[in-house]
């Protein structure tokens, strides 16, 4: 994984830890756990990302996040997902609309 991805993953680790998640490394991604939910966090391209787990979070720089979201909408994966935009000390979440998420 390149320096940019590593940096994104480390920044995502901080975001999830600040939200109260217990974060552990799992290969090239993170596993963030809190209460009943486990979120797999990755900086990989959606078409190359693992597909295990029901909740996945993709991290991207602000300028690339809409592209990642559009790619996920095109792929229609079988898991719930969101994209976290990370830029310096700021982050925000791009959620898909409820009608594109798989039914439980």
N, C-alpha and C. Protein backbone atom coordinates (compact mmCIF):
# COMPACT_ATOMS: atom_id res chain seq x y z
N UNK A 1 0.85 -1.17 0.00
CA UNK A 1 0.00 0.00 0.00
C UNK A 1 0.90 1.23 0.00
N UNK A 2 0.58 2.23 -0.81
CA UNK A 2 1.41 3.42 -0.94
C UNK A 2 1.31 4.36 0.23
N UNK A 3 2.18 5.36 0.24
CA UNK A 3 2.23 6.31 1.35
C UNK A 3 0.91 7.06 1.52
N UNK A 4 0.25 7.43 0.42
CA UNK A 4 -1.00 8.16 0.53
C UNK A 4 -2.06 7.29 1.21
N UNK A 5 -2.18 6.02 0.80
CA UNK A 5 -3.15 5.12 1.40
C UNK A 5 -2.85 4.89 2.87
N UNK A 6 -1.58 4.68 3.20
CA UNK A 6 -1.21 4.48 4.59
C UNK A 6 -1.62 5.69 5.41
N UNK A 7 -1.35 6.87 4.90
CA UNK A 7 -1.72 8.10 5.60
C UNK A 7 -3.24 8.17 5.78
N UNK A 8 -3.98 7.84 4.75
CA UNK A 8 -5.44 7.86 4.85
C UNK A 8 -5.93 6.86 5.91
N UNK A 9 -5.36 5.68 5.90
CA UNK A 9 -5.77 4.67 6.87
C UNK A 9 -5.45 5.13 8.29
N UNK A 10 -4.30 5.72 8.48
CA UNK A 10 -3.94 6.21 9.82
C UNK A 10 -4.87 7.35 10.25
N UNK A 11 -5.23 8.21 9.32
CA UNK A 11 -6.17 9.28 9.65
C UNK A 11 -7.56 8.70 9.94
N UNK A 12 -7.96 7.67 9.20
CA UNK A 12 -9.24 7.01 9.45
C UNK A 12 -9.23 6.34 10.82
N UNK A 13 -8.09 5.77 11.19
CA UNK A 13 -7.96 5.15 12.52
C UNK A 13 -8.28 6.19 13.60
N UNK A 14 -7.72 7.38 13.45
CA UNK A 14 -7.96 8.44 14.43
C UNK A 14 -9.43 8.84 14.46
N UNK A 15 -10.06 8.96 13.30
CA UNK A 15 -11.48 9.33 13.23
C UNK A 15 -12.32 8.30 13.98
N UNK A 16 -12.10 7.02 13.73
CA UNK A 16 -12.89 5.98 14.38
C UNK A 16 -12.59 5.88 15.87
N UNK A 17 -11.33 6.04 16.25
CA UNK A 17 -11.00 6.02 17.68
C UNK A 17 -11.67 7.19 18.39
N UNK A 18 -11.68 8.36 17.77
CA UNK A 18 -12.34 9.52 18.36
C UNK A 18 -13.85 9.30 18.53
N UNK A 19 -14.42 8.42 17.70
CA UNK A 19 -15.84 8.09 17.80
C UNK A 19 -16.11 6.97 18.80
N UNK A 20 -15.05 6.47 19.45
CA UNK A 20 -15.21 5.45 20.48
C UNK A 20 -15.09 4.02 19.99
N UNK A 21 -14.62 3.81 18.78
CA UNK A 21 -14.43 2.46 18.26
C UNK A 21 -13.09 1.90 18.71
N UNK A 22 -13.05 0.59 18.91
CA UNK A 22 -11.79 -0.11 19.11
C UNK A 22 -11.30 -0.49 17.72
N UNK A 23 -10.11 -0.04 17.36
CA UNK A 23 -9.62 -0.21 16.00
C UNK A 23 -8.41 -1.13 15.98
N UNK A 24 -8.46 -2.14 15.09
CA UNK A 24 -7.34 -3.05 14.91
C UNK A 24 -7.03 -3.19 13.43
N UNK A 25 -5.76 -3.48 13.13
CA UNK A 25 -5.37 -3.70 11.74
C UNK A 25 -5.82 -5.09 11.32
N UNK A 26 -6.27 -5.18 10.08
CA UNK A 26 -6.64 -6.47 9.51
C UNK A 26 -6.18 -6.45 8.06
N UNK A 27 -4.95 -6.90 7.85
CA UNK A 27 -4.37 -6.84 6.51
C UNK A 27 -4.14 -5.39 6.11
N UNK A 28 -4.63 -5.01 4.94
CA UNK A 28 -4.47 -3.65 4.43
C UNK A 28 -5.59 -2.72 4.87
N UNK A 29 -6.47 -3.20 5.72
CA UNK A 29 -7.58 -2.38 6.17
C UNK A 29 -7.66 -2.39 7.69
N UNK A 30 -8.64 -1.69 8.21
CA UNK A 30 -8.88 -1.63 9.65
C UNK A 30 -10.21 -2.28 9.98
N UNK A 31 -10.31 -2.83 11.17
CA UNK A 31 -11.58 -3.32 11.69
C UNK A 31 -11.91 -2.44 12.89
N UNK A 32 -13.00 -1.72 12.78
CA UNK A 32 -13.43 -0.81 13.85
C UNK A 32 -14.66 -1.41 14.51
N UNK A 33 -14.59 -1.62 15.84
CA UNK A 33 -15.69 -2.28 16.54
C UNK A 33 -16.19 -1.41 17.69
N UNK A 34 -17.50 -1.37 17.80
CA UNK A 34 -18.15 -0.63 18.88
C UNK A 34 -19.53 -1.22 19.08
N UNK A 35 -19.80 -1.63 20.32
CA UNK A 35 -21.07 -2.29 20.65
C UNK A 35 -21.29 -3.45 19.69
N UNK A 36 -22.39 -3.45 18.99
CA UNK A 36 -22.75 -4.55 18.10
C UNK A 36 -22.19 -4.42 16.69
N UNK A 37 -21.60 -3.29 16.35
CA UNK A 37 -21.23 -3.12 14.95
C UNK A 37 -19.73 -3.24 14.72
N UNK A 38 -19.43 -3.84 13.58
CA UNK A 38 -18.06 -3.94 13.10
C UNK A 38 -18.02 -3.31 11.72
N UNK A 39 -17.14 -2.33 11.56
CA UNK A 39 -16.99 -1.62 10.29
C UNK A 39 -15.60 -1.91 9.76
N UNK A 40 -15.53 -2.36 8.52
CA UNK A 40 -14.24 -2.56 7.86
C UNK A 40 -13.90 -1.30 7.10
N UNK A 41 -12.72 -0.78 7.33
CA UNK A 41 -12.30 0.52 6.81
C UNK A 41 -11.14 0.31 5.83
N UNK A 42 -11.26 0.86 4.63
CA UNK A 42 -10.24 0.66 3.61
C UNK A 42 -10.02 1.92 2.78
N UNK A 43 -8.81 2.03 2.23
CA UNK A 43 -8.51 3.11 1.29
C UNK A 43 -8.40 2.53 -0.12
N UNK A 44 -8.71 1.25 -0.26
CA UNK A 44 -8.63 0.59 -1.57
C UNK A 44 -9.72 1.07 -2.51
N UNK A 45 -9.48 0.92 -3.79
CA UNK A 45 -10.51 1.18 -4.78
C UNK A 45 -11.65 0.19 -4.53
N UNK A 46 -12.90 0.64 -4.62
CA UNK A 46 -14.03 -0.26 -4.33
C UNK A 46 -14.02 -1.57 -5.11
N UNK A 47 -13.54 -1.54 -6.35
CA UNK A 47 -13.52 -2.78 -7.14
C UNK A 47 -12.44 -3.75 -6.68
N UNK A 48 -11.48 -3.27 -5.88
CA UNK A 48 -10.39 -4.11 -5.39
C UNK A 48 -10.52 -4.43 -3.91
N UNK A 49 -11.49 -3.85 -3.25
CA UNK A 49 -11.64 -4.02 -1.80
C UNK A 49 -12.22 -5.38 -1.47
N UNK A 50 -11.92 -5.86 -0.28
CA UNK A 50 -12.53 -7.09 0.23
C UNK A 50 -14.04 -6.89 0.32
N UNK A 51 -14.76 -7.97 0.32
CA UNK A 51 -16.22 -7.88 0.37
C UNK A 51 -16.81 -8.49 1.63
N UNK A 52 -15.96 -8.94 2.56
CA UNK A 52 -16.49 -9.52 3.80
C UNK A 52 -17.04 -8.42 4.70
N UNK A 53 -17.96 -8.80 5.55
CA UNK A 53 -18.56 -7.84 6.48
C UNK A 53 -19.79 -7.17 5.90
N UNK A 54 -20.67 -6.74 6.79
CA UNK A 54 -21.91 -6.06 6.37
C UNK A 54 -21.76 -4.55 6.30
N UNK A 55 -20.77 -3.99 7.01
CA UNK A 55 -20.56 -2.54 7.03
C UNK A 55 -19.14 -2.24 6.57
N UNK A 56 -19.03 -1.39 5.54
CA UNK A 56 -17.71 -1.04 5.02
C UNK A 56 -17.63 0.47 4.88
N UNK A 57 -16.45 0.99 5.14
CA UNK A 57 -16.21 2.42 5.03
C UNK A 57 -14.98 2.62 4.15
N UNK A 58 -15.13 3.42 3.14
CA UNK A 58 -14.03 3.75 2.24
C UNK A 58 -13.55 5.15 2.58
N UNK A 59 -12.23 5.32 2.66
CA UNK A 59 -11.67 6.63 2.98
C UNK A 59 -10.99 7.19 1.72
N UNK A 60 -11.17 8.49 1.52
CA UNK A 60 -10.59 9.15 0.35
C UNK A 60 -10.38 10.62 0.66
N UNK A 61 -9.48 11.21 -0.05
CA UNK A 61 -9.30 12.66 0.04
C UNK A 61 -10.57 13.32 -0.51
N UNK A 62 -10.83 14.53 -0.07
CA UNK A 62 -12.05 15.24 -0.42
C UNK A 62 -12.27 15.30 -1.93
N UNK A 63 -11.22 15.54 -2.70
CA UNK A 63 -11.38 15.67 -4.15
C UNK A 63 -11.68 14.34 -4.84
N UNK A 64 -11.36 13.22 -4.22
CA UNK A 64 -11.59 11.90 -4.83
C UNK A 64 -12.84 11.21 -4.29
N UNK A 65 -13.36 11.65 -3.16
CA UNK A 65 -14.49 10.98 -2.51
C UNK A 65 -15.73 10.83 -3.40
N UNK A 66 -16.15 11.87 -4.14
CA UNK A 66 -17.33 11.67 -5.00
C UNK A 66 -17.11 10.58 -6.05
N UNK A 67 -15.90 10.45 -6.56
CA UNK A 67 -15.58 9.39 -7.52
C UNK A 67 -15.72 8.01 -6.87
N UNK A 68 -15.24 7.87 -5.64
CA UNK A 68 -15.36 6.61 -4.91
C UNK A 68 -16.83 6.29 -4.66
N UNK A 69 -17.60 7.29 -4.27
CA UNK A 69 -19.04 7.09 -4.04
C UNK A 69 -19.74 6.65 -5.33
N UNK A 70 -19.44 7.31 -6.45
CA UNK A 70 -20.05 6.94 -7.73
C UNK A 70 -19.66 5.53 -8.14
N UNK A 71 -18.41 5.16 -7.87
CA UNK A 71 -17.94 3.80 -8.20
C UNK A 71 -18.73 2.76 -7.39
N UNK A 72 -18.95 3.04 -6.13
CA UNK A 72 -19.74 2.13 -5.29
C UNK A 72 -21.19 2.04 -5.76
N UNK A 73 -21.74 3.16 -6.16
CA UNK A 73 -23.12 3.15 -6.69
C UNK A 73 -23.20 2.29 -7.95
N UNK A 74 -22.18 2.35 -8.79
CA UNK A 74 -22.14 1.52 -10.01
C UNK A 74 -21.97 0.04 -9.69
N UNK A 75 -21.15 -0.27 -8.68
CA UNK A 75 -20.88 -1.66 -8.32
C UNK A 75 -22.04 -2.34 -7.60
N UNK A 76 -22.86 -1.54 -6.90
CA UNK A 76 -23.98 -2.07 -6.12
C UNK A 76 -23.56 -3.24 -5.23
N UNK A 77 -22.61 -3.04 -4.32
CA UNK A 77 -22.15 -4.14 -3.48
C UNK A 77 -23.24 -4.64 -2.53
N UNK A 78 -23.02 -5.85 -2.01
CA UNK A 78 -23.99 -6.49 -1.12
C UNK A 78 -23.78 -6.13 0.34
N UNK A 79 -23.16 -5.02 0.62
CA UNK A 79 -22.94 -4.58 1.99
C UNK A 79 -23.31 -3.11 2.09
N UNK A 80 -23.58 -2.65 3.31
CA UNK A 80 -23.83 -1.23 3.56
C UNK A 80 -22.49 -0.52 3.56
N UNK A 81 -22.46 0.68 3.01
CA UNK A 81 -21.19 1.39 2.89
C UNK A 81 -21.37 2.89 3.06
N UNK A 82 -20.25 3.53 3.31
CA UNK A 82 -20.17 4.99 3.34
C UNK A 82 -18.75 5.35 2.91
N UNK A 83 -18.59 6.60 2.53
CA UNK A 83 -17.27 7.12 2.17
C UNK A 83 -16.95 8.25 3.14
N UNK A 84 -15.78 8.16 3.78
CA UNK A 84 -15.33 9.25 4.64
C UNK A 84 -14.32 10.07 3.85
N UNK A 85 -14.59 11.36 3.77
CA UNK A 85 -13.62 12.26 3.15
C UNK A 85 -12.68 12.76 4.24
N UNK A 86 -11.40 12.72 3.93
CA UNK A 86 -10.40 13.15 4.89
C UNK A 86 -9.50 14.19 4.24
N UNK A 87 -9.39 15.31 4.89
CA UNK A 87 -8.52 16.39 4.41
C UNK A 87 -7.93 17.08 5.63
N UNK A 88 -6.63 16.91 5.81
CA UNK A 88 -5.92 17.46 6.96
C UNK A 88 -6.62 17.07 8.25
N UNK A 89 -7.12 18.01 9.03
CA UNK A 89 -7.75 17.69 10.31
C UNK A 89 -9.28 17.67 10.22
N UNK A 90 -9.82 17.51 9.03
CA UNK A 90 -11.27 17.54 8.85
C UNK A 90 -11.73 16.27 8.15
N UNK A 91 -12.91 15.81 8.51
CA UNK A 91 -13.50 14.65 7.84
C UNK A 91 -15.00 14.82 7.77
N UNK A 92 -15.61 14.19 6.79
CA UNK A 92 -17.06 14.17 6.67
C UNK A 92 -17.45 12.85 6.00
N UNK A 93 -18.74 12.55 6.02
CA UNK A 93 -19.22 11.27 5.51
C UNK A 93 -20.14 11.49 4.33
N UNK A 94 -19.92 10.71 3.27
CA UNK A 94 -20.82 10.67 2.12
C UNK A 94 -21.58 9.35 2.21
N UNK A 95 -22.86 9.42 2.51
CA UNK A 95 -23.68 8.22 2.57
C UNK A 95 -24.39 8.03 1.24
N UNK A 96 -24.66 6.78 0.87
CA UNK A 96 -25.54 6.57 -0.28
C UNK A 96 -26.97 6.85 0.15
N UNK A 97 -27.85 7.07 -0.79
CA UNK A 97 -29.26 7.24 -0.43
C UNK A 97 -29.80 5.87 0.00
N UNK A 98 -30.81 5.87 0.84
CA UNK A 98 -31.34 4.63 1.42
C UNK A 98 -31.83 3.64 0.36
N UNK A 99 -32.28 4.11 -0.79
CA UNK A 99 -32.82 3.21 -1.79
C UNK A 99 -31.75 2.40 -2.53
N UNK A 100 -30.47 2.73 -2.38
CA UNK A 100 -29.44 1.95 -3.06
C UNK A 100 -28.76 0.94 -2.17
N UNK A 101 -29.05 0.95 -0.86
CA UNK A 101 -28.44 0.00 0.05
C UNK A 101 -29.20 -1.32 -0.01
N UNK A 102 -28.46 -2.45 0.18
CA UNK A 102 -29.15 -3.75 0.14
C UNK A 102 -30.11 -3.90 1.31
N UNK A 103 -31.15 -4.65 1.09
CA UNK A 103 -32.12 -4.91 2.16
C UNK A 103 -31.49 -5.87 3.17
N UNK A 104 -31.75 -5.70 4.48
CA UNK A 104 -31.18 -6.59 5.50
C UNK A 104 -31.71 -7.99 5.41
